């Protein structure tokens, strides 16, 4: 029974799990932002590309 109580109160590795969850949350948020912003980013780069191509004529 003491082993179970020691195991339950042991906090080693807790920081690793918390940082892993934080990194996962940030990665998911970045993917969601890039997924939602993809059309506008493509539009901006297409406009810049067309402007540069027309400037060379």
N, C-alpha and C. Protein backbone atom coordinates (compact mmCIF):
# COMPACT_ATOMS: atom_id res chain seq x y z
N UNK A 1 0.82 -1.20 0.00
CA UNK A 1 0.00 0.00 0.00
C UNK A 1 0.86 1.26 0.00
N UNK A 2 1.98 1.22 0.73
CA UNK A 2 2.88 2.38 0.79
C UNK A 2 3.46 2.67 -0.60
N UNK A 3 3.75 1.61 -1.37
CA UNK A 3 4.28 1.81 -2.72
C UNK A 3 3.29 2.58 -3.58
N UNK A 4 2.02 2.26 -3.46
CA UNK A 4 0.98 2.94 -4.23
C UNK A 4 0.86 4.40 -3.83
N UNK A 5 0.94 4.68 -2.54
CA UNK A 5 0.89 6.06 -2.07
C UNK A 5 2.11 6.85 -2.54
N UNK A 6 3.29 6.22 -2.51
CA UNK A 6 4.51 6.88 -3.00
C UNK A 6 4.41 7.15 -4.50
N UNK A 7 3.89 6.18 -5.22
CA UNK A 7 3.74 6.33 -6.67
C UNK A 7 2.77 7.47 -6.98
N UNK A 8 1.68 7.56 -6.25
CA UNK A 8 0.67 8.58 -6.49
C UNK A 8 1.19 9.98 -6.20
N UNK A 9 2.04 10.12 -5.17
CA UNK A 9 2.53 11.44 -4.78
C UNK A 9 3.82 11.83 -5.51
N UNK A 10 4.39 10.93 -6.28
CA UNK A 10 5.63 11.20 -7.01
C UNK A 10 5.33 12.18 -8.15
N UNK A 11 6.06 13.28 -8.22
CA UNK A 11 5.82 14.29 -9.24
C UNK A 11 6.94 14.37 -10.27
N UNK A 12 7.83 13.41 -10.29
CA UNK A 12 8.89 13.42 -11.30
C UNK A 12 8.27 13.21 -12.67
N UNK A 13 8.72 13.97 -13.63
CA UNK A 13 8.20 13.87 -14.99
C UNK A 13 6.99 14.74 -15.24
N UNK A 14 6.46 15.36 -14.22
CA UNK A 14 5.28 16.20 -14.40
C UNK A 14 5.58 17.40 -15.30
N UNK A 15 6.74 18.01 -15.13
CA UNK A 15 7.11 19.15 -15.96
C UNK A 15 7.21 18.76 -17.43
N UNK A 16 7.76 17.59 -17.69
CA UNK A 16 7.89 17.11 -19.07
C UNK A 16 6.52 16.98 -19.71
N UNK A 17 5.56 16.44 -19.00
CA UNK A 17 4.22 16.28 -19.54
C UNK A 17 3.57 17.65 -19.78
N UNK A 18 3.75 18.57 -18.85
CA UNK A 18 3.17 19.90 -19.02
C UNK A 18 3.77 20.62 -20.22
N UNK A 19 5.09 20.55 -20.37
CA UNK A 19 5.73 21.19 -21.52
C UNK A 19 5.31 20.52 -22.83
N UNK A 20 5.17 19.22 -22.82
CA UNK A 20 4.72 18.50 -24.02
C UNK A 20 3.31 18.94 -24.41
N UNK A 21 2.44 19.07 -23.43
CA UNK A 21 1.08 19.53 -23.72
C UNK A 21 1.07 20.97 -24.24
N UNK A 22 1.92 21.80 -23.67
CA UNK A 22 2.01 23.19 -24.13
C UNK A 22 2.51 23.27 -25.56
N UNK A 23 3.54 22.51 -25.89
CA UNK A 23 4.08 22.50 -27.25
C UNK A 23 3.03 21.97 -28.23
N UNK A 24 2.30 20.94 -27.82
CA UNK A 24 1.25 20.39 -28.67
C UNK A 24 0.16 21.42 -28.93
N UNK A 25 -0.24 22.15 -27.89
CA UNK A 25 -1.26 23.19 -28.04
C UNK A 25 -0.78 24.28 -28.99
N UNK A 26 0.47 24.70 -28.86
CA UNK A 26 1.01 25.74 -29.73
C UNK A 26 1.06 25.25 -31.18
N UNK A 27 1.45 23.99 -31.37
CA UNK A 27 1.52 23.44 -32.73
C UNK A 27 0.12 23.38 -33.36
N UNK A 28 -0.86 22.95 -32.59
CA UNK A 28 -2.23 22.88 -33.12
C UNK A 28 -2.76 24.27 -33.44
N UNK A 29 -2.45 25.24 -32.58
CA UNK A 29 -2.89 26.61 -32.83
C UNK A 29 -2.23 27.17 -34.09
N UNK A 30 -0.95 26.89 -34.28
CA UNK A 30 -0.26 27.36 -35.49
C UNK A 30 -0.86 26.73 -36.74
N UNK A 31 -1.13 25.43 -36.69
CA UNK A 31 -1.73 24.77 -37.85
C UNK A 31 -3.12 25.33 -38.15
N UNK A 32 -3.88 25.61 -37.11
CA UNK A 32 -5.22 26.19 -37.33
C UNK A 32 -5.10 27.58 -37.94
N UNK A 33 -4.15 28.37 -37.44
CA UNK A 33 -3.97 29.72 -37.97
C UNK A 33 -3.51 29.68 -39.43
N UNK A 34 -2.56 28.80 -39.73
CA UNK A 34 -2.08 28.70 -41.11
C UNK A 34 -3.16 28.16 -42.04
N UNK A 35 -3.96 27.25 -41.54
CA UNK A 35 -5.05 26.71 -42.36
C UNK A 35 -6.09 27.77 -42.66
N UNK A 36 -6.40 28.60 -41.67
CA UNK A 36 -7.41 29.64 -41.87
C UNK A 36 -6.85 30.79 -42.70
N UNK A 37 -5.57 31.08 -42.58
CA UNK A 37 -4.98 32.21 -43.28
C UNK A 37 -4.38 31.86 -44.63
N UNK A 38 -4.45 30.61 -45.02
CA UNK A 38 -3.83 30.17 -46.27
C UNK A 38 -4.32 30.94 -47.49
N UNK A 39 -5.61 31.13 -47.70
CA UNK A 39 -6.05 31.85 -48.90
C UNK A 39 -5.53 33.28 -48.97
N UNK A 40 -5.49 33.96 -47.84
CA UNK A 40 -5.02 35.35 -47.87
C UNK A 40 -3.52 35.41 -48.13
N UNK A 41 -2.77 34.46 -47.59
CA UNK A 41 -1.32 34.43 -47.84
C UNK A 41 -1.05 34.15 -49.31
N UNK A 42 -1.78 33.23 -49.88
CA UNK A 42 -1.61 32.92 -51.31
C UNK A 42 -1.95 34.14 -52.15
N UNK A 43 -3.00 34.84 -51.79
CA UNK A 43 -3.40 36.04 -52.53
C UNK A 43 -2.33 37.12 -52.46
N UNK A 44 -1.75 37.32 -51.29
CA UNK A 44 -0.70 38.34 -51.13
C UNK A 44 0.51 37.99 -51.99
N UNK A 45 0.96 36.71 -51.93
CA UNK A 45 2.13 36.32 -52.71
C UNK A 45 1.85 36.38 -54.22
N UNK A 46 0.64 36.03 -54.62
CA UNK A 46 0.28 36.11 -56.05
C UNK A 46 0.29 37.56 -56.53
N UNK A 47 -0.23 38.46 -55.70
CA UNK A 47 -0.23 39.88 -56.06
C UNK A 47 1.21 40.40 -56.16
N UNK A 48 2.05 40.03 -55.20
CA UNK A 48 3.45 40.47 -55.24
C UNK A 48 4.16 39.90 -56.46
N UNK A 49 3.90 38.66 -56.79
CA UNK A 49 4.51 38.02 -57.95
C UNK A 49 4.07 38.73 -59.23
N UNK A 50 2.80 39.01 -59.36
CA UNK A 50 2.30 39.69 -60.57
C UNK A 50 2.88 41.10 -60.68
N UNK A 51 2.99 41.81 -59.57
CA UNK A 51 3.55 43.15 -59.58
C UNK A 51 5.00 43.13 -60.04
N UNK A 52 5.77 42.18 -59.51
CA UNK A 52 7.18 42.08 -59.92
C UNK A 52 7.34 41.68 -61.39
N UNK A 53 6.48 40.77 -61.84
CA UNK A 53 6.55 40.36 -63.25
C UNK A 53 6.20 41.53 -64.19
N UNK A 54 5.20 42.33 -63.82
CA UNK A 54 4.80 43.46 -64.64
C UNK A 54 5.80 44.60 -64.56
N UNK A 55 6.56 44.71 -63.49
CA UNK A 55 7.55 45.77 -63.35
C UNK A 55 8.72 45.54 -64.30
N UNK A 56 8.97 44.30 -64.65
CA UNK A 56 10.08 44.00 -65.55
C UNK A 56 9.77 44.24 -67.01
N UNK A 57 8.54 44.53 -67.35
CA UNK A 57 8.17 44.73 -68.77
C UNK A 57 8.42 46.12 -69.23
